[in-house]
C-alpha cells in the first residue's frame, strides 16, 4: 500500500497483479489499482482532472490525461472519502505509476493539485 498527503488530501493506492486477464506470452501484464481519496481538510473538494505517468521497463513512459476519474468528477465532503479502482496494462510486467489530481475547493473555487504516490507494478510471474 502506498499513501501520500498533499494539501490535506490523502491518496492511498493498493496495486494488484491481475493474473486472470494477463497474457505474459503476449507481453500483456494487467494490474488493478484501488484508490482511496480522503478529505482531511476543512473544505469540500471536487476532482476535475487526472494525470498519470506510467513507466514500463524497457518501453518507457506514457502520459495519460483526462477529466475526472472513472467518468466521474466526484465532490468529497469534509471528513469523507471516495474509492474507485481502475486497470492498466504494461508490456514488460515491471514498472510504476504516479500522477496528480487537479481539484478545486468547492467553497472558494481555489485550484488544488493533489499528488498520487508513486507505486510499483510487478507481475508475480516474473518474480518466481
Protein backbone atom coordinates (compact mmCIF):
# COMPACT_ATOMS: atom_id res chain seq x y z
CA UNK A 1 0.00 0.00 0.00
CA UNK A 2 1.21 3.49 -0.89
CA UNK A 3 -0.06 6.75 0.66
CA UNK A 4 0.64 10.45 0.32
CA UNK A 5 -0.96 13.58 1.78
CA UNK A 6 -1.00 16.79 -0.25
CA UNK A 7 -2.97 19.88 0.82
CA UNK A 8 -4.72 17.79 3.48
CA UNK A 9 -5.99 15.27 0.93
CA UNK A 10 -4.73 11.71 1.45
CA UNK A 11 -4.40 9.40 -1.55
CA UNK A 12 -3.84 5.70 -0.89
CA UNK A 13 -3.12 3.18 -3.65
CA UNK A 14 -3.20 -0.59 -3.47
CA UNK A 15 -1.98 -2.18 -6.74
CA UNK A 16 -2.64 -5.84 -7.59
CA UNK A 17 -1.42 -8.01 -10.42
CA UNK A 18 -4.38 -9.36 -12.43
CA UNK A 19 -3.17 -12.81 -13.49
CA UNK A 20 -6.57 -13.78 -14.91
CA UNK A 21 -6.50 -11.00 -17.53
CA UNK A 22 -2.76 -11.06 -18.20
CA UNK A 23 -1.05 -12.94 -21.01
CA UNK A 24 2.71 -12.91 -20.38
CA UNK A 25 3.46 -14.78 -23.62
CA UNK A 26 1.87 -11.83 -25.47
CA UNK A 27 3.65 -9.20 -23.33
CA UNK A 28 0.33 -8.24 -21.75
CA UNK A 29 0.51 -7.68 -17.99
CA UNK A 30 -2.62 -6.21 -16.40
CA UNK A 31 -2.73 -4.53 -13.00
CA UNK A 32 -5.69 -3.33 -10.99
CA UNK A 33 -5.14 -0.38 -8.70
CA UNK A 34 -7.51 0.51 -5.89
CA UNK A 35 -7.58 4.19 -4.90
CA UNK A 36 -8.93 5.85 -1.77
CA UNK A 37 -9.03 9.67 -1.66
CA UNK A 38 -9.66 11.03 1.84
CA UNK A 39 -10.53 14.66 2.53
CA UNK A 40 -8.74 15.57 5.75
CA UNK A 41 -9.14 19.31 5.11
CA UNK A 42 -11.67 21.86 6.36
CA UNK A 43 -13.40 22.34 3.00
CA UNK A 44 -15.05 20.16 0.36
CA UNK A 45 -13.10 19.38 -2.81
CA UNK A 46 -14.05 18.22 -6.28
CA UNK A 47 -11.81 16.22 -8.62
CA UNK A 48 -11.88 17.75 -12.08
CA UNK A 49 -8.97 16.13 -13.94
CA UNK A 50 -6.30 13.49 -13.58
CA UNK A 51 -2.82 12.99 -14.99
CA UNK A 52 -0.95 9.68 -14.90
CA UNK A 53 2.67 8.96 -15.74
CA UNK A 54 3.09 5.23 -16.42
CA UNK A 55 6.57 3.75 -16.63
CA UNK A 56 7.05 0.38 -18.33
CA UNK A 57 10.61 -1.00 -18.01
CA UNK A 58 12.07 -1.37 -21.49
CA UNK A 59 9.22 0.58 -23.12
CA UNK A 60 9.48 3.97 -21.41
CA UNK A 61 6.90 6.46 -20.20
CA UNK A 62 3.28 7.02 -21.21
CA UNK A 63 1.28 10.01 -20.04
CA UNK A 64 -2.49 9.79 -19.65
CA UNK A 65 -4.69 12.83 -19.04
CA UNK A 66 -8.42 13.05 -18.69
CA UNK A 67 -11.45 14.52 -16.99
CA UNK A 68 -12.34 13.27 -13.52
CA UNK A 69 -11.85 9.64 -12.52
CA UNK A 70 -13.72 6.63 -13.98
CA UNK A 71 -16.06 9.02 -15.80
CA UNK A 72 -16.96 10.99 -12.65
CA UNK A 73 -15.98 14.34 -11.15
CA UNK A 74 -16.69 13.46 -7.52
CA UNK A 75 -17.10 16.00 -4.75
CA UNK A 76 -15.59 14.83 -1.48
CA UNK A 77 -17.05 16.40 1.64
CA UNK A 78 -15.04 17.26 4.74
CA UNK A 79 -14.02 14.04 6.51
CA UNK A 80 -15.35 11.84 3.68
CA UNK A 81 -13.57 9.59 1.20
CA UNK A 82 -14.04 8.46 -2.39
CA UNK A 83 -12.95 4.99 -3.53
CA UNK A 84 -12.56 3.58 -7.01
CA UNK A 85 -10.48 1.12 -8.96
CA UNK A 86 -9.06 1.06 -12.45
CA UNK A 87 -6.69 -1.02 -14.56
CA UNK A 88 -3.51 -0.53 -16.50
CA UNK A 89 -1.73 -2.79 -18.98
CA UNK A 90 2.04 -2.76 -19.44
CA UNK A 91 4.16 -4.86 -21.79
CA UNK A 92 7.19 -5.74 -19.66
CA UNK A 93 5.46 -6.80 -16.42
CA UNK A 94 7.59 -4.36 -14.41
CA UNK A 95 7.00 -0.64 -13.97
CA UNK A 96 5.45 2.04 -11.86
CA UNK A 97 2.84 4.77 -11.89
CA UNK A 98 2.47 8.21 -10.36
CA UNK A 99 0.22 11.13 -11.05
CA UNK A 100 -1.86 14.09 -9.98
CA UNK A 101 -5.46 15.02 -9.43
CA UNK A 102 -6.50 18.54 -10.32
CA UNK A 103 -9.20 19.61 -7.89
CA UNK A 104 -10.98 22.70 -6.65
CA UNK A 105 -12.07 23.86 -3.23
CA UNK A 106 -15.83 23.95 -3.91
CA UNK A 107 -16.36 26.76 -1.39
CA UNK A 108 -13.82 29.20 -2.82
CA UNK A 109 -13.11 27.86 -6.33
CA UNK A 110 -9.40 27.74 -5.48
CA UNK A 111 -7.48 25.15 -7.56
CA UNK A 112 -5.74 22.35 -5.67
CA UNK A 113 -3.14 19.96 -7.10
CA UNK A 114 -3.04 16.59 -5.32
CA UNK A 115 -0.14 14.17 -5.79
CA UNK A 116 -0.74 10.46 -6.30
CA UNK A 117 2.07 8.47 -4.67
CA UNK A 118 4.39 6.55 -6.95
CA UNK A 119 3.56 2.84 -6.79
CA UNK A 120 5.27 -0.20 -8.24
CA UNK A 121 3.86 -2.68 -10.74
CA UNK A 122 5.46 -6.12 -10.61
CA UNK A 123 3.95 -9.23 -12.13
CA UNK A 124 4.32 -12.15 -9.72
CA UNK A 125 5.00 -14.49 -12.63
CA UNK A 126 8.32 -12.66 -13.14
CA UNK A 127 9.43 -12.80 -9.50
CA UNK A 128 9.45 -16.60 -9.18
